[in-house]
Amino acid sequence: TLPMNPSKEFHLSYSDKESLEREPRG
C-alpha cells in the first residue's frame, strides 16, 4: 500500500514558488 502524499492544494503554485525564492529568508 503506497503511502499517501499531500493533495495538490498544499503544493505551492508557480508564482508562490518564485515569490518564495525571491524573498530573503525570514
PDB file of all heavy atoms in Angstrom:
ATOM      1  N   THR A   1       0.857  -1.183   0.000  1.00  0.00           N
ATOM      2  CA  THR A   1       0.000   0.000   0.000  1.00  0.00           C
ATOM      3  C   THR A   1       0.894   1.234   0.000  1.00  0.00           C
ATOM      4  O   THR A   1       1.660   1.471   0.940  1.00  0.00           O
ATOM      5  CB  THR A   1      -0.913   0.021   1.238  1.00  0.00           C
ATOM      6  OG1 THR A   1      -1.755  -1.133   1.218  1.00  0.00           O
ATOM      7  CG2 THR A   1      -1.783   1.274   1.234  1.00  0.00           C
ATOM      8  N   LEU A   2       0.811   2.015  -1.059  1.00  0.00           N
ATOM      9  CA  LEU A   2       1.663   3.190  -1.180  1.00  0.00           C
ATOM     10  C   LEU A   2       1.233   4.258  -0.175  1.00  0.00           C
ATOM     11  O   LEU A   2       0.043   4.537  -0.038  1.00  0.00           O
ATOM     12  CB  LEU A   2       1.596   3.753  -2.596  1.00  0.00           C
ATOM     13  CG  LEU A   2       2.124   2.850  -3.708  1.00  0.00           C
ATOM     14  CD1 LEU A   2       1.940   3.520  -5.067  1.00  0.00           C
ATOM     15  CD2 LEU A   2       3.597   2.519  -3.480  1.00  0.00           C
ATOM     16  N   PRO A   3       2.181   4.863   0.526  1.00  0.00           N
ATOM     17  CA  PRO A   3       1.821   5.948   1.456  1.00  0.00           C
ATOM     18  C   PRO A   3       1.202   7.121   0.693  1.00  0.00           C
ATOM     19  O   PRO A   3       1.613   7.449  -0.423  1.00  0.00           O
ATOM     20  CB  PRO A   3       3.164   6.334   2.077  1.00  0.00           C
ATOM     21  CG  PRO A   3       4.062   5.164   1.839  1.00  0.00           C
ATOM     22  CD  PRO A   3       3.614   4.562   0.548  1.00  0.00           C
ATOM     23  N   MET A   4       0.219   7.750   1.310  1.00  0.00           N
ATOM     24  CA  MET A   4      -0.467   8.871   0.678  1.00  0.00           C
ATOM     25  C   MET A   4       0.347  10.142   0.839  1.00  0.00           C
ATOM     26  O   MET A   4       0.922  10.407   1.895  1.00  0.00           O
ATOM     27  CB  MET A   4      -1.859   9.057   1.279  1.00  0.00           C
ATOM     28  CG  MET A   4      -2.838   7.947   0.931  1.00  0.00           C
ATOM     29  SD  MET A   4      -4.477   8.205   1.654  1.00  0.00           S
ATOM     30  CE  MET A   4      -4.951   9.743   0.870  1.00  0.00           C
ATOM     31  N   ASN A   5       0.391  10.937  -0.223  1.00  0.00           N
ATOM     32  CA  ASN A   5       1.083  12.216  -0.228  1.00  0.00           C
ATOM     33  C   ASN A   5       0.061  13.351  -0.162  1.00  0.00           C
ATOM     34  O   ASN A   5      -1.112  13.162  -0.493  1.00  0.00           O
ATOM     35  CB  ASN A   5       1.943  12.353  -1.479  1.00  0.00           C
ATOM     36  CG  ASN A   5       2.839  11.155  -1.702  1.00  0.00           C
ATOM     37  OD1 ASN A   5       2.743  10.482  -2.723  1.00  0.00           O
ATOM     38  ND2 ASN A   5       3.694  10.871  -0.742  1.00  0.00           N
ATOM     39  N   PRO A   6       0.479  14.529   0.278  1.00  0.00           N
ATOM     40  CA  PRO A   6      -0.456  15.668   0.326  1.00  0.00           C
ATOM     41  C   PRO A   6      -1.065  15.963  -1.039  1.00  0.00           C
ATOM     42  O   PRO A   6      -0.420  15.803  -2.075  1.00  0.00           O
ATOM     43  CB  PRO A   6       0.427  16.825   0.805  1.00  0.00           C
ATOM     44  CG  PRO A   6       1.538  16.161   1.565  1.00  0.00           C
ATOM     45  CD  PRO A   6       1.797  14.871   0.853  1.00  0.00           C
ATOM     46  N   SER A   7      -2.324  16.374  -1.035  1.00  0.00           N
ATOM     47  CA  SER A   7      -3.023  16.691  -2.274  1.00  0.00           C
ATOM     48  C   SER A   7      -2.476  17.975  -2.880  1.00  0.00           C
ATOM     49  O   SER A   7      -1.698  18.708  -2.266  1.00  0.00           O
ATOM     50  CB  SER A   7      -4.530  16.821  -2.022  1.00  0.00           C
ATOM     51  OG  SER A   7      -4.778  17.782  -1.015  1.00  0.00           O
ATOM     52  N   LYS A   8      -2.887  18.262  -4.087  1.00  0.00           N
ATOM     53  CA  LYS A   8      -2.316  19.378  -4.841  1.00  0.00           C
ATOM     54  C   LYS A   8      -2.616  20.722  -4.207  1.00  0.00           C
ATOM     55  O   LYS A   8      -1.912  21.705  -4.471  1.00  0.00           O
ATOM     56  CB  LYS A   8      -2.832  19.354  -6.274  1.00  0.00           C
ATOM     57  CG  LYS A   8      -4.342  19.513  -6.386  1.00  0.00           C
ATOM     58  CD  LYS A   8      -4.785  19.471  -7.835  1.00  0.00           C
ATOM     59  CE  LYS A   8      -6.298  19.660  -7.957  1.00  0.00           C
ATOM     60  NZ  LYS A   8      -6.736  19.617  -9.379  1.00  0.00           N
ATOM     61  N   GLU A   9      -3.668  20.811  -3.373  1.00  0.00           N
ATOM     62  CA  GLU A   9      -3.993  22.084  -2.739  1.00  0.00           C
ATOM     63  C   GLU A   9      -2.876  22.562  -1.821  1.00  0.00           C
ATOM     64  O   GLU A   9      -2.760  23.765  -1.559  1.00  0.00           O
ATOM     65  CB  GLU A   9      -5.295  21.963  -1.930  1.00  0.00           C
ATOM     66  CG  GLU A   9      -6.559  21.887  -2.761  1.00  0.00           C
ATOM     67  CD  GLU A   9      -6.815  20.478  -3.264  1.00  0.00           C
ATOM     68  OE1 GLU A   9      -6.033  19.573  -2.875  1.00  0.00           O
ATOM     69  OE2 GLU A   9      -7.773  20.287  -4.030  1.00  0.00           O
ATOM     70  N   PHE A  10      -2.055  21.636  -1.320  1.00  0.00           N
ATOM     71  CA  PHE A  10      -0.985  22.001  -0.400  1.00  0.00           C
ATOM     72  C   PHE A  10       0.312  22.338  -1.122  1.00  0.00           C
ATOM     73  O   PHE A  10       1.244  22.828  -0.483  1.00  0.00           O
ATOM     74  CB  PHE A  10      -0.745  20.862   0.599  1.00  0.00           C
ATOM     75  CG  PHE A  10      -1.869  20.657   1.560  1.00  0.00           C
ATOM     76  CD1 PHE A  10      -2.918  19.818   1.251  1.00  0.00           C
ATOM     77  CD2 PHE A  10      -1.893  21.323   2.774  1.00  0.00           C
ATOM     78  CE1 PHE A  10      -3.971  19.621   2.132  1.00  0.00           C
ATOM     79  CE2 PHE A  10      -2.932  21.138   3.674  1.00  0.00           C
ATOM     80  CZ  PHE A  10      -3.984  20.295   3.346  1.00  0.00           C
ATOM     81  N   HIS A  11       0.387  22.077  -2.419  1.00  0.00           N
ATOM     82  CA  HIS A  11       1.582  22.423  -3.176  1.00  0.00           C
ATOM     83  C   HIS A  11       1.533  23.897  -3.559  1.00  0.00           C
ATOM     84  O   HIS A  11       0.472  24.427  -3.904  1.00  0.00           O
ATOM     85  CB  HIS A  11       1.694  21.563  -4.437  1.00  0.00           C
ATOM     86  CG  HIS A  11       2.040  20.127  -4.153  1.00  0.00           C
ATOM     87  ND1 HIS A  11       1.124  19.223  -3.647  1.00  0.00           N
ATOM     88  CD2 HIS A  11       3.208  19.443  -4.297  1.00  0.00           C
ATOM     89  CE1 HIS A  11       1.706  18.037  -3.507  1.00  0.00           C
ATOM     90  NE2 HIS A  11       2.959  18.147  -3.877  1.00  0.00           N
ATOM     91  N   LEU A  12       2.669  24.544  -3.500  1.00  0.00           N
ATOM     92  CA  LEU A  12       2.731  25.945  -3.871  1.00  0.00           C
ATOM     93  C   LEU A  12       2.555  26.109  -5.370  1.00  0.00           C
ATOM     94  O   LEU A  12       3.020  25.285  -6.168  1.00  0.00           O
ATOM     95  CB  LEU A  12       4.071  26.551  -3.438  1.00  0.00           C
ATOM     96  CG  LEU A  12       4.365  26.632  -1.942  1.00  0.00           C
ATOM     97  CD1 LEU A  12       5.683  27.350  -1.709  1.00  0.00           C
ATOM     98  CD2 LEU A  12       3.241  27.323  -1.194  1.00  0.00           C
ATOM     99  N   SER A  13       1.889  27.171  -5.737  1.00  0.00           N
ATOM    100  CA  SER A  13       1.758  27.496  -7.151  1.00  0.00           C
ATOM    101  C   SER A  13       3.099  27.997  -7.688  1.00  0.00           C
ATOM    102  O   SER A  13       4.027  28.300  -6.927  1.00  0.00           O
ATOM    103  CB  SER A  13       0.672  28.549  -7.353  1.00  0.00           C
ATOM    104  OG  SER A  13       1.024  29.750  -6.704  1.00  0.00           O
ATOM    105  N   TYR A  14       3.172  28.100  -8.999  1.00  0.00           N
ATOM    106  CA  TYR A  14       4.430  28.545  -9.613  1.00  0.00           C
ATOM    107  C   TYR A  14       4.779  29.962  -9.178  1.00  0.00           C
ATOM    108  O   TYR A  14       5.942  30.266  -8.898  1.00  0.00           O
ATOM    109  CB  TYR A  14       4.303  28.469 -11.132  1.00  0.00           C
ATOM    110  CG  TYR A  14       5.565  28.874 -11.877  1.00  0.00           C
ATOM    111  CD1 TYR A  14       6.650  28.012 -11.955  1.00  0.00           C
ATOM    112  CD2 TYR A  14       5.657  30.137 -12.472  1.00  0.00           C
ATOM    113  CE1 TYR A  14       7.811  28.390 -12.621  1.00  0.00           C
ATOM    114  CE2 TYR A  14       6.811  30.517 -13.143  1.00  0.00           C
ATOM    115  CZ  TYR A  14       7.878  29.647 -13.214  1.00  0.00           C
ATOM    116  OH  TYR A  14       9.025  30.020 -13.866  1.00  0.00           O
ATOM    117  N   SER A  15       3.786  30.825  -9.089  1.00  0.00           N
ATOM    118  CA  SER A  15       4.045  32.205  -8.672  1.00  0.00           C
ATOM    119  C   SER A  15       4.502  32.273  -7.212  1.00  0.00           C
ATOM    120  O   SER A  15       5.394  33.063  -6.866  1.00  0.00           O
ATOM    121  CB  SER A  15       2.786  33.055  -8.866  1.00  0.00           C
ATOM    122  OG  SER A  15       1.701  32.526  -8.115  1.00  0.00           O
ATOM    123  N   ASP A  16       3.893  31.419  -6.343  1.00  0.00           N
ATOM    124  CA  ASP A  16       4.311  31.402  -4.939  1.00  0.00           C
ATOM    125  C   ASP A  16       5.735  30.876  -4.791  1.00  0.00           C
ATOM    126  O   ASP A  16       6.499  31.350  -3.942  1.00  0.00           O
ATOM    127  CB  ASP A  16       3.358  30.547  -4.114  1.00  0.00           C
ATOM    128  CG  ASP A  16       2.008  31.210  -3.909  1.00  0.00           C
ATOM    129  OD1 ASP A  16       1.952  32.450  -3.995  1.00  0.00           O
ATOM    130  OD2 ASP A  16       1.015  30.486  -3.685  1.00  0.00           O
ATOM    131  N   LYS A  17       6.090  29.902  -5.601  1.00  0.00           N
ATOM    132  CA  LYS A  17       7.462  29.396  -5.562  1.00  0.00           C
ATOM    133  C   LYS A  17       8.454  30.483  -5.956  1.00  0.00           C
ATOM    134  O   LYS A  17       9.513  30.635  -5.330  1.00  0.00           O
ATOM    135  CB  LYS A  17       7.610  28.190  -6.494  1.00  0.00           C
ATOM    136  CG  LYS A  17       6.894  26.932  -6.025  1.00  0.00           C
ATOM    137  CD  LYS A  17       7.102  25.806  -7.023  1.00  0.00           C
ATOM    138  CE  LYS A  17       6.328  24.560  -6.601  1.00  0.00           C
ATOM    139  NZ  LYS A  17       6.496  23.459  -7.590  1.00  0.00           N
ATOM    140  N   GLU A  18       8.117  31.238  -7.000  1.00  0.00           N
ATOM    141  CA  GLU A  18       9.006  32.319  -7.422  1.00  0.00           C
ATOM    142  C   GLU A  18       9.116  33.388  -6.345  1.00  0.00           C
ATOM    143  O   GLU A  18      10.199  33.908  -6.080  1.00  0.00           O
ATOM    144  CB  GLU A  18       8.492  32.929  -8.732  1.00  0.00           C
ATOM    145  CG  GLU A  18       8.733  32.061  -9.960  1.00  0.00           C
ATOM    146  CD  GLU A  18       8.437  32.811 -11.242  1.00  0.00           C
ATOM    147  OE1 GLU A  18       7.596  33.744 -11.198  1.00  0.00           O
ATOM    148  OE2 GLU A  18       9.031  32.478 -12.276  1.00  0.00           O
ATOM    149  N   SER A  19       7.966  33.714  -5.746  1.00  0.00           N
ATOM    150  CA  SER A  19       7.989  34.721  -4.681  1.00  0.00           C
ATOM    151  C   SER A  19       8.827  34.252  -3.506  1.00  0.00           C
ATOM    152  O   SER A  19       9.566  35.034  -2.891  1.00  0.00           O
ATOM    153  CB  SER A  19       6.563  35.024  -4.218  1.00  0.00           C
ATOM    154  OG  SER A  19       5.769  35.509  -5.281  1.00  0.00           O
ATOM    155  N   LEU A  20       8.713  32.971  -3.174  1.00  0.00           N
ATOM    156  CA  LEU A  20       9.474  32.421  -2.055  1.00  0.00           C
ATOM    157  C   LEU A  20      10.971  32.440  -2.344  1.00  0.00           C
ATOM    158  O   LEU A  20      11.784  32.670  -1.440  1.00  0.00           O
ATOM    159  CB  LEU A  20       9.004  30.991  -1.766  1.00  0.00           C
ATOM    160  CG  LEU A  20       9.283  30.434  -0.370  1.00  0.00           C
ATOM    161  CD1 LEU A  20       8.526  31.227   0.678  1.00  0.00           C
ATOM    162  CD2 LEU A  20       8.896  28.966  -0.301  1.00  0.00           C
ATOM    163  N   GLU A  21      11.345  32.211  -3.590  1.00  0.00           N
ATOM    164  CA  GLU A  21      12.764  32.221  -3.948  1.00  0.00           C
ATOM    165  C   GLU A  21      13.325  33.639  -3.987  1.00  0.00           C
ATOM    166  O   GLU A  21      14.495  33.854  -3.674  1.00  0.00           O
ATOM    167  CB  GLU A  21      12.955  31.543  -5.310  1.00  0.00           C
ATOM    168  CG  GLU A  21      12.680  30.042  -5.282  1.00  0.00           C
ATOM    169  CD  GLU A  21      12.772  29.412  -6.667  1.00  0.00           C
ATOM    170  OE1 GLU A  21      12.979  30.180  -7.636  1.00  0.00           O
ATOM    171  OE2 GLU A  21      12.638  28.179  -6.767  1.00  0.00           O
ATOM    172  N   ARG A  22      12.484  34.607  -4.355  1.00  0.00           N
ATOM    173  CA  ARG A  22      12.952  35.990  -4.434  1.00  0.00           C
ATOM    174  C   ARG A  22      13.092  36.632  -3.063  1.00  0.00           C
ATOM    175  O   ARG A  22      13.992  37.439  -2.838  1.00  0.00           O
ATOM    176  CB  ARG A  22      11.984  36.835  -5.283  1.00  0.00           C
ATOM    177  CG  ARG A  22      12.035  36.542  -6.771  1.00  0.00           C
ATOM    178  CD  ARG A  22      11.378  37.660  -7.548  1.00  0.00           C
ATOM    179  NE  ARG A  22      10.006  37.902  -7.072  1.00  0.00           N
ATOM    180  CZ  ARG A  22       8.928  37.361  -7.626  1.00  0.00           C
ATOM    181  NH1 ARG A  22       9.062  36.550  -8.659  1.00  0.00           N
ATOM    182  NH2 ARG A  22       7.731  37.630  -7.146  1.00  0.00           N
ATOM    183  N   GLU A  23      12.210  36.263  -2.154  1.00  0.00           N
ATOM    184  CA  GLU A  23      12.218  36.897  -0.843  1.00  0.00           C
ATOM    185  C   GLU A  23      13.387  36.386   0.000  1.00  0.00           C
ATOM    186  O   GLU A  23      13.739  35.219  -0.064  1.00  0.00           O
ATOM    187  CB  GLU A  23      10.908  36.610  -0.097  1.00  0.00           C
ATOM    188  CG  GLU A  23       9.672  37.156  -0.777  1.00  0.00           C
ATOM    189  CD  GLU A  23       9.622  38.667  -0.748  1.00  0.00           C
ATOM    190  OE1 GLU A  23      10.389  39.263   0.028  1.00  0.00           O
ATOM    191  OE2 GLU A  23       8.837  39.248  -1.523  1.00  0.00           O
ATOM    192  N   PRO A  24      13.998  37.262   0.771  1.00  0.00           N
ATOM    193  CA  PRO A  24      15.044  36.803   1.705  1.00  0.00           C
ATOM    194  C   PRO A  24      14.420  35.954   2.805  1.00  0.00           C
ATOM    195  O   PRO A  24      13.252  36.098   3.136  1.00  0.00           O
ATOM    196  CB  PRO A  24      15.614  38.116   2.264  1.00  0.00           C
ATOM    197  CG  PRO A  24      14.501  39.107   2.113  1.00  0.00           C
ATOM    198  CD  PRO A  24      13.760  38.718   0.868  1.00  0.00           C
ATOM    199  N   ARG A  25      15.222  35.072   3.379  1.00  0.00           N
ATOM    200  CA  ARG A  25      14.708  34.188   4.425  1.00  0.00           C
ATOM    201  C   ARG A  25      14.300  35.015   5.635  1.00  0.00           C
ATOM    202  O   ARG A  25      15.025  35.877   6.086  1.00  0.00           O
ATOM    203  CB  ARG A  25      15.751  33.149   4.818  1.00  0.00           C
ATOM    204  CG  ARG A  25      16.122  32.210   3.696  1.00  0.00           C
ATOM    205  CD  ARG A  25      17.097  31.144   4.183  1.00  0.00           C
ATOM    206  NE  ARG A  25      16.482  30.274   5.157  1.00  0.00           N
ATOM    207  CZ  ARG A  25      15.788  29.186   4.837  1.00  0.00           C
ATOM    208  NH1 ARG A  25      15.612  28.863   3.573  1.00  0.00           N
ATOM    209  NH2 ARG A  25      15.273  28.427   5.786  1.00  0.00           N
ATOM    210  N   GLY A  26      13.129  34.735   6.164  1.00  0.00           N
ATOM    211  CA  GLY A  26      12.666  35.470   7.323  1.00  0.00           C
ATOM    212  C   GLY A  26      11.178  35.718   7.260  1.00  0.00           C
ATOM    213  O   GLY A  26      10.408  34.920   6.723  1.00  0.00           O
TER     214      GLY A  26
END
